C-alpha atoms as a PDB file:
ATOM      1  CA  UNK A   1      71.722  64.605 102.890  1.00  0.00           C
ATOM      2  CA  UNK A   2      70.755  66.287 106.149  1.00  0.00           C
ATOM      3  CA  UNK A   3      69.498  63.944 108.874  1.00  0.00           C
ATOM      4  CA  UNK A   4      67.482  65.209 111.853  1.00  0.00           C
ATOM      5  CA  UNK A   5      67.095  62.769 114.740  1.00  0.00           C
ATOM      6  CA  UNK A   6      64.464  63.829 115.786  1.00  0.00           C
ATOM      7  CA  UNK A   7      62.175  66.836 115.179  1.00  0.00           C
ATOM      8  CA  UNK A   8      60.876  67.041 118.745  1.00  0.00           C
ATOM      9  CA  UNK A   9      64.428  67.701 120.030  1.00  0.00           C
ATOM     10  CA  UNK A  10      64.701  70.888 117.963  1.00  0.00           C
ATOM     11  CA  UNK A  11      63.723  74.361 119.142  1.00  0.00           C
ATOM     12  CA  UNK A  12      62.057  77.100 117.159  1.00  0.00           C
ATOM     13  CA  UNK A  13      63.445  80.578 116.506  1.00  0.00           C
ATOM     14  CA  UNK A  14      63.639  81.396 120.174  1.00  0.00           C
ATOM     15  CA  UNK A  15      60.526  83.544 120.233  1.00  0.00           C
ATOM     16  CA  UNK A  16      58.660  82.724 123.413  1.00  0.00           C
ATOM     17  CA  UNK A  17      55.926  80.299 122.425  1.00  0.00           C
ATOM     18  CA  UNK A  18      53.667  78.429 124.783  1.00  0.00           C
ATOM     19  CA  UNK A  19      52.330  76.437 121.868  1.00  0.00           C
ATOM     20  CA  UNK A  20      54.548  73.474 120.945  1.00  0.00           C
ATOM     21  CA  UNK A  21      52.418  72.719 117.881  1.00  0.00           C
ATOM     22  CA  UNK A  22      53.226  76.173 116.470  1.00  0.00           C
ATOM     23  CA  UNK A  23      56.899  75.661 117.273  1.00  0.00           C
ATOM     24  CA  UNK A  24      56.994  72.287 115.472  1.00  0.00           C
ATOM     25  CA  UNK A  25      55.208  73.915 112.523  1.00  0.00           C
ATOM     26  CA  UNK A  26      57.955  76.561 112.405  1.00  0.00           C
ATOM     27  CA  UNK A  27      60.609  73.817 112.533  1.00  0.00           C
ATOM     28  CA  UNK A  28      59.118  71.725 109.708  1.00  0.00           C
ATOM     29  CA  UNK A  29      58.564  74.801 107.549  1.00  0.00           C
ATOM     30  CA  UNK A  30      62.199  75.808 108.115  1.00  0.00           C
ATOM     31  CA  UNK A  31      63.471  72.320 107.273  1.00  0.00           C
ATOM     32  CA  UNK A  32      61.462  72.347 104.041  1.00  0.00           C
ATOM     33  CA  UNK A  33      62.896  75.782 103.134  1.00  0.00           C
ATOM     34  CA  UNK A  34      66.431  74.572 103.961  1.00  0.00           C
ATOM     35  CA  UNK A  35      66.026  71.566 101.673  1.00  0.00           C
ATOM     36  CA  UNK A  36      64.937  73.826  98.818  1.00  0.00           C
ATOM     37  CA  UNK A  37      67.643  76.432  99.461  1.00  0.00           C
ATOM     38  CA  UNK A  38      70.457  73.866  99.559  1.00  0.00           C
ATOM     39  CA  UNK A  39      68.865  71.611  96.929  1.00  0.00           C
ATOM     40  CA  UNK A  40      69.500  68.783  99.349  1.00  0.00           C
ATOM     41  CA  UNK A  41      67.248  66.089 100.804  1.00  0.00           C
ATOM     42  CA  UNK A  42      66.353  66.397 104.482  1.00  0.00           C
ATOM     43  CA  UNK A  43      65.393  63.250 106.353  1.00  0.00           C
ATOM     44  CA  UNK A  44      63.702  64.141 109.618  1.00  0.00           C
ATOM     45  CA  UNK A  45      62.678  61.544 112.175  1.00  0.00           C
ATOM     46  CA  UNK A  46      59.708  62.142 114.436  1.00  0.00           C
ATOM     47  CA  UNK A  47      58.214  60.638 117.541  1.00  0.00           C
ATOM     48  CA  UNK A  48      54.723  59.218 117.391  1.00  0.00           C
ATOM     49  CA  UNK A  49      51.961  60.093 119.812  1.00  0.00           C
ATOM     50  CA  UNK A  50      50.999  57.519 122.427  1.00  0.00           C
ATOM     51  CA  UNK A  51      47.543  56.982 120.894  1.00  0.00           C
ATOM     52  CA  UNK A  52      49.033  54.247 118.686  1.00  0.00           C
ATOM     53  CA  UNK A  53      49.591  52.144 121.832  1.00  0.00           C
ATOM     54  CA  UNK A  54      45.885  52.238 122.717  1.00  0.00           C
ATOM     55  CA  UNK A  55      44.763  50.681 119.406  1.00  0.00           C
ATOM     56  CA  UNK A  56      44.538  46.972 118.659  1.00  0.00           C
ATOM     57  CA  UNK A  57      46.256  47.492 115.289  1.00  0.00           C
ATOM     58  CA  UNK A  58      49.501  49.222 116.209  1.00  0.00           C
ATOM     59  CA  UNK A  59      50.500  50.101 112.654  1.00  0.00           C
ATOM     60  CA  UNK A  60      51.349  53.810 112.670  1.00  0.00           C
ATOM     61  CA  UNK A  61      49.190  56.244 110.715  1.00  0.00           C
ATOM     62  CA  UNK A  62      49.691  59.838 109.621  1.00  0.00           C
ATOM     63  CA  UNK A  63      47.475  61.008 112.480  1.00  0.00           C
ATOM     64  CA  UNK A  64      50.006  59.503 114.936  1.00  0.00           C
ATOM     65  CA  UNK A  65      52.742  62.015 114.091  1.00  0.00           C
ATOM     66  CA  UNK A  66      53.421  63.817 117.335  1.00  0.00           C
ATOM     67  CA  UNK A  67      52.665  67.486 118.023  1.00  0.00           C
ATOM     68  CA  UNK A  68      51.811  68.673 114.556  1.00  0.00           C
ATOM     69  CA  UNK A  69      49.902  68.183 111.345  1.00  0.00           C
ATOM     70  CA  UNK A  70      52.632  70.274 109.735  1.00  0.00           C
ATOM     71  CA  UNK A  71      54.968  67.275 109.667  1.00  0.00           C
ATOM     72  CA  UNK A  72      52.527  65.500 107.367  1.00  0.00           C
ATOM     73  CA  UNK A  73      51.794  68.678 105.427  1.00  0.00           C
ATOM     74  CA  UNK A  74      55.408  69.750 104.807  1.00  0.00           C
ATOM     75  CA  UNK A  75      56.876  66.303 104.125  1.00  0.00           C
ATOM     76  CA  UNK A  76      57.225  65.031 100.578  1.00  0.00           C
ATOM     77  CA  UNK A  77      57.172  61.496 101.968  1.00  0.00           C
ATOM     78  CA  UNK A  78      56.183  59.956 105.297  1.00  0.00           C
ATOM     79  CA  UNK A  79      57.494  56.469 105.948  1.00  0.00           C
ATOM     80  CA  UNK A  80      56.839  54.306 109.017  1.00  0.00           C
ATOM     81  CA  UNK A  81      58.461  51.063 110.152  1.00  0.00           C
ATOM     82  CA  UNK A  82      56.227  48.504 111.869  1.00  0.00           C
ATOM     83  CA  UNK A  83      57.209  45.155 113.383  1.00  0.00           C
ATOM     84  CA  UNK A  84      54.397  42.932 114.683  1.00  0.00           C
ATOM     85  CA  UNK A  85      57.005  40.780 116.430  1.00  0.00           C
ATOM     86  CA  UNK A  86      57.864  43.717 118.728  1.00  0.00           C
ATOM     87  CA  UNK A  87      54.312  43.795 120.088  1.00  0.00           C
ATOM     88  CA  UNK A  88      53.682  40.031 120.108  1.00  0.00           C
ATOM     89  CA  UNK A  89      56.808  39.142 122.087  1.00  0.00           C
ATOM     90  CA  UNK A  90      55.474  41.105 125.072  1.00  0.00           C
ATOM     91  CA  UNK A  91      52.206  39.130 125.120  1.00  0.00           C
ATOM     92  CA  UNK A  92      53.560  35.629 125.695  1.00  0.00           C
ATOM     93  CA  UNK A  93      50.924  33.468 127.434  1.00  0.00           C
ATOM     94  CA  UNK A  94      51.790  30.883 130.062  1.00  0.00           C
ATOM     95  CA  UNK A  95      53.758  27.991 128.481  1.00  0.00           C
ATOM     96  CA  UNK A  96      51.878  24.735 127.993  1.00  0.00           C
ATOM     97  CA  UNK A  97      48.520  26.383 127.290  1.00  0.00           C
ATOM     98  CA  UNK A  98      46.628  26.347 123.965  1.00  0.00           C
ATOM     99  CA  UNK A  99      47.067  30.132 123.893  1.00  0.00           C
ATOM    100  CA  UNK A 100      50.845  29.672 124.085  1.00  0.00           C
ATOM    101  CA  UNK A 101      50.792  27.263 121.138  1.00  0.00           C
ATOM    102  CA  UNK A 102      48.832  29.812 119.080  1.00  0.00           C
ATOM    103  CA  UNK A 103      51.220  32.557 120.209  1.00  0.00           C
ATOM    104  CA  UNK A 104      54.209  30.460 119.077  1.00  0.00           C
ATOM    105  CA  UNK A 105      52.599  29.967 115.669  1.00  0.00           C
ATOM    106  CA  UNK A 106      51.863  33.695 115.380  1.00  0.00           C
ATOM    107  CA  UNK A 107      55.454  34.522 116.400  1.00  0.00           C
ATOM    108  CA  UNK A 108      56.870  32.149 113.790  1.00  0.00           C
ATOM    109  CA  UNK A 109      54.848  33.932 111.096  1.00  0.00           C
ATOM    110  CA  UNK A 110      56.163  37.410 111.985  1.00  0.00           C
ATOM    111  CA  UNK A 111      59.678  36.613 113.247  1.00  0.00           C
ATOM    112  CA  UNK A 112      62.331  38.577 111.389  1.00  0.00           C
ATOM    113  CA  UNK A 113      59.821  40.592 109.371  1.00  0.00           C
ATOM    114  CA  UNK A 114      59.114  44.297 109.166  1.00  0.00           C
ATOM    115  CA  UNK A 115      56.662  46.415 107.250  1.00  0.00           C
ATOM    116  CA  UNK A 116      57.754  49.682 105.699  1.00  0.00           C
ATOM    117  CA  UNK A 117      54.592  51.734 105.356  1.00  0.00           C
ATOM    118  CA  UNK A 118      54.757  54.521 102.793  1.00  0.00           C
ATOM    119  CA  UNK A 119      51.908  56.609 104.192  1.00  0.00           C
ATOM    120  CA  UNK A 120      52.546  59.653 102.011  1.00  0.00           C
ATOM    121  CA  UNK A 121      54.550  60.175  98.858  1.00  0.00           C
ATOM    122  CA  UNK A 122      53.942  63.438  97.082  1.00  0.00           C
ATOM    123  CA  UNK A 123      55.183  62.188  93.717  1.00  0.00           C
ATOM    124  CA  UNK A 124      54.386  58.495  93.832  1.00  0.00           C
ATOM    125  CA  UNK A 125      52.288  55.661  95.186  1.00  0.00           C
ATOM    126  CA  UNK A 126      51.680  54.779  98.813  1.00  0.00           C
ATOM    127  CA  UNK A 127      51.561  51.287 100.239  1.00  0.00           C
ATOM    128  CA  UNK A 128      53.356  48.731 102.358  1.00  0.00           C
ATOM    129  CA  UNK A 129      56.507  46.745 101.626  1.00  0.00           C
ATOM    130  CA  UNK A 130      57.441  43.666 103.653  1.00  0.00           C
ATOM    131  CA  UNK A 131      61.127  43.296 104.458  1.00  0.00           C
ATOM    132  CA  UNK A 132      63.409  40.908 106.291  1.00  0.00           C
ATOM    133  CA  UNK A 133      64.604  42.369 109.624  1.00  0.00           C
ATOM    134  CA  UNK A 134      67.728  41.185 111.425  1.00  0.00           C
ATOM    135  CA  UNK A 135      67.471  42.724 114.878  1.00  0.00           C
ATOM    136  CA  UNK A 136      70.988  41.894 116.039  1.00  0.00           C
ATOM    137  CA  UNK A 137      72.333  44.091 113.211  1.00  0.00           C
ATOM    138  CA  UNK A 138      69.337  46.460 112.851  1.00  0.00           C
ATOM    139  CA  UNK A 139      69.447  45.479 109.183  1.00  0.00           C
ATOM    140  CA  UNK A 140      66.596  45.468 106.690  1.00  0.00           C
ATOM    141  CA  UNK A 141      66.802  43.508 103.449  1.00  0.00           C
ATOM    142  CA  UNK A 142      64.595  42.057 100.746  1.00  0.00           C
ATOM    143  CA  UNK A 143      62.288  39.353 102.017  1.00  0.00           C
ATOM    144  CA  UNK A 144      63.111  36.092 100.298  1.00  0.00           C
ATOM    145  CA  UNK A 145      60.002  33.976  99.884  1.00  0.00           C
ATOM    146  CA  UNK A 146      59.858  30.265  99.225  1.00  0.00           C
ATOM    147  CA  UNK A 147      59.198  30.990  95.539  1.00  0.00           C
ATOM    148  CA  UNK A 148      62.542  32.841  95.292  1.00  0.00           C
ATOM    149  CA  UNK A 149      64.724  30.137  96.805  1.00  0.00           C
ATOM    150  CA  UNK A 150      66.881  27.962  94.603  1.00  0.00           C
ATOM    151  CA  UNK A 151      65.617  24.387  94.323  1.00  0.00           C
ATOM    152  CA  UNK A 152      67.420  22.024  96.675  1.00  0.00           C
ATOM    153  CA  UNK A 153      68.831  18.950  94.914  1.00  0.00           C
ATOM    154  CA  UNK A 154      69.991  15.924  96.842  1.00  0.00           C
END
């Protein structure tokens, strides 16, 4: 496996280009060719554009990939991670208000959860998977619902 962290840190062939979009296109095309030549998966991370921050729903979309449509075009799969808790924690209302009580309820519903959004998959389905997220370890795991817990006997 070849990991690239992240595409926007790479440079093109060195030809003078004033157009960063063209340069990123060259990079993604080269990564795709490298994967085929070496018969090896390439996992390339990418920054998102800032437009996601201006929307109410902050879930990333394909159009948020920064500096190029070629990332979406060349990728066999595009996967995003979204955590509502990340955005909610920065909007804490003043304690003791009805808004704060609602905020606490909302936080309890999203605490320790993440969505993995499969926005593109050339050879399979797209969709969203909810996972457990343990921030102190940056660990994702299966989300265990109440229906999956062993019955508690006293």
